[in-house]
């Protein structure tokens, strides 16, 4: 498990076992080749004879590709919004302001 996700995931699992609620958590793991992967773990607490949760029964799925696609879509949307904003800016400027607006637009695109 990725070190930055450890405490968060432990807290979710601990809460599930204490309160008997389902687990539904996304986190990163290290693959055998050293790369990071995203996984989704979902599970239900298993109760003992006294009705207390004592372990989790569930499944973990590799959602790396889904995360990659979602991030790509977010980047695309951010870019499209920025282009729309820049287009609106350029419609309303005078010829004398074009150079400074281009510099400003490039700064926004590259940030």
C-alpha atoms as a PDB file:
ATOM      1  CA  UNK A   1       0.000   0.000   0.000  1.00  0.00           C
ATOM      2  CA  UNK A   2       1.174   3.513  -0.775  1.00  0.00           C
ATOM      3  CA  UNK A   3       2.515   5.118   2.435  1.00  0.00           C
ATOM      4  CA  UNK A   4       0.338   8.225   2.001  1.00  0.00           C
ATOM      5  CA  UNK A   5      -2.830   6.091   1.920  1.00  0.00           C
ATOM      6  CA  UNK A   6      -2.025   3.758   4.826  1.00  0.00           C
ATOM      7  CA  UNK A   7      -3.493   5.755   7.697  1.00  0.00           C
ATOM      8  CA  UNK A   8      -6.662   6.614   5.775  1.00  0.00           C
ATOM      9  CA  UNK A   9      -7.328   2.993   4.762  1.00  0.00           C
ATOM     10  CA  UNK A  10      -6.585   1.686   8.256  1.00  0.00           C
ATOM     11  CA  UNK A  11      -9.102   4.163   9.641  1.00  0.00           C
ATOM     12  CA  UNK A  12     -11.802   3.027   7.190  1.00  0.00           C
ATOM     13  CA  UNK A  13     -11.210  -0.649   7.996  1.00  0.00           C
ATOM     14  CA  UNK A  14     -11.064  -0.017  11.731  1.00  0.00           C
ATOM     15  CA  UNK A  15     -14.330   1.912  11.609  1.00  0.00           C
ATOM     16  CA  UNK A  16     -15.940  -0.882   9.604  1.00  0.00           C
ATOM     17  CA  UNK A  17     -14.938  -3.505  12.147  1.00  0.00           C
ATOM     18  CA  UNK A  18     -15.952  -1.372  15.130  1.00  0.00           C
ATOM     19  CA  UNK A  19     -19.299  -0.256  13.733  1.00  0.00           C
ATOM     20  CA  UNK A  20     -20.142  -3.248  11.545  1.00  0.00           C
ATOM     21  CA  UNK A  21     -20.484  -1.107   8.416  1.00  0.00           C
ATOM     22  CA  UNK A  22     -19.380  -1.934   4.848  1.00  0.00           C
ATOM     23  CA  UNK A  23     -15.984  -0.888   3.489  1.00  0.00           C
ATOM     24  CA  UNK A  24     -15.728   0.995   0.200  1.00  0.00           C
ATOM     25  CA  UNK A  25     -12.311   2.583  -0.256  1.00  0.00           C
ATOM     26  CA  UNK A  26      -9.965   3.521  -3.108  1.00  0.00           C
ATOM     27  CA  UNK A  27      -6.213   3.584  -2.524  1.00  0.00           C
ATOM     28  CA  UNK A  28      -2.864   3.071  -4.206  1.00  0.00           C
ATOM     29  CA  UNK A  29      -0.625   0.027  -4.073  1.00  0.00           C
ATOM     30  CA  UNK A  30       2.860  -0.749  -5.380  1.00  0.00           C
ATOM     31  CA  UNK A  31       2.894  -3.318  -8.191  1.00  0.00           C
ATOM     32  CA  UNK A  32       5.619  -5.952  -8.522  1.00  0.00           C
ATOM     33  CA  UNK A  33       7.273  -3.853 -11.239  1.00  0.00           C
ATOM     34  CA  UNK A  34       7.466  -0.855  -8.860  1.00  0.00           C
ATOM     35  CA  UNK A  35       4.677   1.157 -10.486  1.00  0.00           C
ATOM     36  CA  UNK A  36       1.695   2.507  -8.572  1.00  0.00           C
ATOM     37  CA  UNK A  37      -1.774   1.118  -9.170  1.00  0.00           C
ATOM     38  CA  UNK A  38      -5.169   2.213  -7.901  1.00  0.00           C
ATOM     39  CA  UNK A  39      -7.462  -0.352  -6.308  1.00  0.00           C
ATOM     40  CA  UNK A  40     -11.006  -0.329  -4.993  1.00  0.00           C
ATOM     41  CA  UNK A  41     -11.701  -2.482  -1.939  1.00  0.00           C
ATOM     42  CA  UNK A  42     -15.248  -3.295  -0.958  1.00  0.00           C
ATOM     43  CA  UNK A  43     -16.236  -5.577   1.859  1.00  0.00           C
ATOM     44  CA  UNK A  44     -18.568  -6.446   4.661  1.00  0.00           C
ATOM     45  CA  UNK A  45     -17.686  -7.257   8.252  1.00  0.00           C
ATOM     46  CA  UNK A  46     -18.156 -10.897   9.280  1.00  0.00           C
ATOM     47  CA  UNK A  47     -19.814 -11.254  12.683  1.00  0.00           C
ATOM     48  CA  UNK A  48     -18.872 -13.748  15.370  1.00  0.00           C
ATOM     49  CA  UNK A  49     -21.397 -15.706  17.448  1.00  0.00           C
ATOM     50  CA  UNK A  50     -21.879 -12.657  19.701  1.00  0.00           C
ATOM     51  CA  UNK A  51     -22.726 -10.423  16.750  1.00  0.00           C
ATOM     52  CA  UNK A  52     -19.400  -8.574  16.833  1.00  0.00           C
ATOM     53  CA  UNK A  53     -17.409  -8.008  13.640  1.00  0.00           C
ATOM     54  CA  UNK A  54     -14.127  -9.933  13.662  1.00  0.00           C
ATOM     55  CA  UNK A  55     -12.938  -9.789  10.011  1.00  0.00           C
ATOM     56  CA  UNK A  56     -13.834  -8.430   6.600  1.00  0.00           C
ATOM     57  CA  UNK A  57     -15.034 -10.422   3.628  1.00  0.00           C
ATOM     58  CA  UNK A  58     -14.682  -8.622   0.323  1.00  0.00           C
ATOM     59  CA  UNK A  59     -12.989  -8.007  -2.967  1.00  0.00           C
ATOM     60  CA  UNK A  60     -10.284  -5.703  -4.289  1.00  0.00           C
ATOM     61  CA  UNK A  61     -10.349  -4.562  -7.907  1.00  0.00           C
ATOM     62  CA  UNK A  62      -7.651  -2.883 -10.001  1.00  0.00           C
ATOM     63  CA  UNK A  63      -9.139   0.462 -11.085  1.00  0.00           C
ATOM     64  CA  UNK A  64      -5.915   1.979 -12.426  1.00  0.00           C
ATOM     65  CA  UNK A  65      -7.206   2.333 -15.978  1.00  0.00           C
ATOM     66  CA  UNK A  66     -10.483   3.868 -14.793  1.00  0.00           C
ATOM     67  CA  UNK A  67      -8.551   6.433 -12.727  1.00  0.00           C
ATOM     68  CA  UNK A  68      -6.271   7.175 -15.688  1.00  0.00           C
ATOM     69  CA  UNK A  69      -9.265   7.768 -17.965  1.00  0.00           C
ATOM     70  CA  UNK A  70     -11.008   9.936 -15.358  1.00  0.00           C
ATOM     71  CA  UNK A  71      -7.882  12.054 -14.899  1.00  0.00           C
ATOM     72  CA  UNK A  72      -7.567  12.411 -18.676  1.00  0.00           C
ATOM     73  CA  UNK A  73     -11.171  13.578 -18.908  1.00  0.00           C
ATOM     74  CA  UNK A  74     -10.644  16.080 -16.086  1.00  0.00           C
ATOM     75  CA  UNK A  75      -7.581  17.478 -17.853  1.00  0.00           C
ATOM     76  CA  UNK A  76      -9.493  17.710 -21.124  1.00  0.00           C
ATOM     77  CA  UNK A  77     -12.385  19.532 -19.444  1.00  0.00           C
ATOM     78  CA  UNK A  78      -9.995  21.931 -17.725  1.00  0.00           C
ATOM     79  CA  UNK A  79      -8.315  22.660 -21.057  1.00  0.00           C
ATOM     80  CA  UNK A  80     -11.646  23.178 -22.848  1.00  0.00           C
ATOM     81  CA  UNK A  81     -12.871  25.567 -20.134  1.00  0.00           C
ATOM     82  CA  UNK A  82      -9.641  27.515 -20.386  1.00  0.00           C
ATOM     83  CA  UNK A  83      -9.913  27.738 -24.181  1.00  0.00           C
ATOM     84  CA  UNK A  84     -13.495  28.983 -23.848  1.00  0.00           C
ATOM     85  CA  UNK A  85     -12.393  31.624 -21.325  1.00  0.00           C
ATOM     86  CA  UNK A  86      -9.512  32.713 -23.542  1.00  0.00           C
ATOM     87  CA  UNK A  87     -11.786  32.916 -26.586  1.00  0.00           C
ATOM     88  CA  UNK A  88     -14.146  35.196 -24.688  1.00  0.00           C
ATOM     89  CA  UNK A  89     -11.194  37.337 -23.574  1.00  0.00           C
ATOM     90  CA  UNK A  90      -9.906  37.768 -27.128  1.00  0.00           C
ATOM     91  CA  UNK A  91     -13.291  38.738 -28.550  1.00  0.00           C
ATOM     92  CA  UNK A  92     -13.457  41.812 -26.336  1.00  0.00           C
ATOM     93  CA  UNK A  93      -9.936  43.257 -26.676  1.00  0.00           C
ATOM     94  CA  UNK A  94      -8.504  45.964 -28.853  1.00  0.00           C
ATOM     95  CA  UNK A  95      -5.681  45.407 -31.329  1.00  0.00           C
ATOM     96  CA  UNK A  96      -3.237  47.126 -28.940  1.00  0.00           C
ATOM     97  CA  UNK A  97      -3.949  44.567 -26.217  1.00  0.00           C
ATOM     98  CA  UNK A  98      -3.377  41.445 -28.340  1.00  0.00           C
ATOM     99  CA  UNK A  99       0.303  40.923 -27.426  1.00  0.00           C
ATOM    100  CA  UNK A 100      -0.241  41.218 -23.684  1.00  0.00           C
ATOM    101  CA  UNK A 101      -3.310  38.960 -23.867  1.00  0.00           C
ATOM    102  CA  UNK A 102      -1.333  36.324 -25.784  1.00  0.00           C
ATOM    103  CA  UNK A 103       1.366  36.365 -23.099  1.00  0.00           C
ATOM    104  CA  UNK A 104      -1.265  36.108 -20.394  1.00  0.00           C
ATOM    105  CA  UNK A 105      -3.030  33.269 -22.213  1.00  0.00           C
ATOM    106  CA  UNK A 106       0.200  31.332 -22.653  1.00  0.00           C
ATOM    107  CA  UNK A 107       0.916  31.714 -18.948  1.00  0.00           C
ATOM    108  CA  UNK A 108      -2.515  30.309 -18.104  1.00  0.00           C
ATOM    109  CA  UNK A 109      -2.156  27.425 -20.557  1.00  0.00           C
ATOM    110  CA  UNK A 110       1.250  26.417 -19.211  1.00  0.00           C
ATOM    111  CA  UNK A 111       0.345  26.630 -15.528  1.00  0.00           C
END
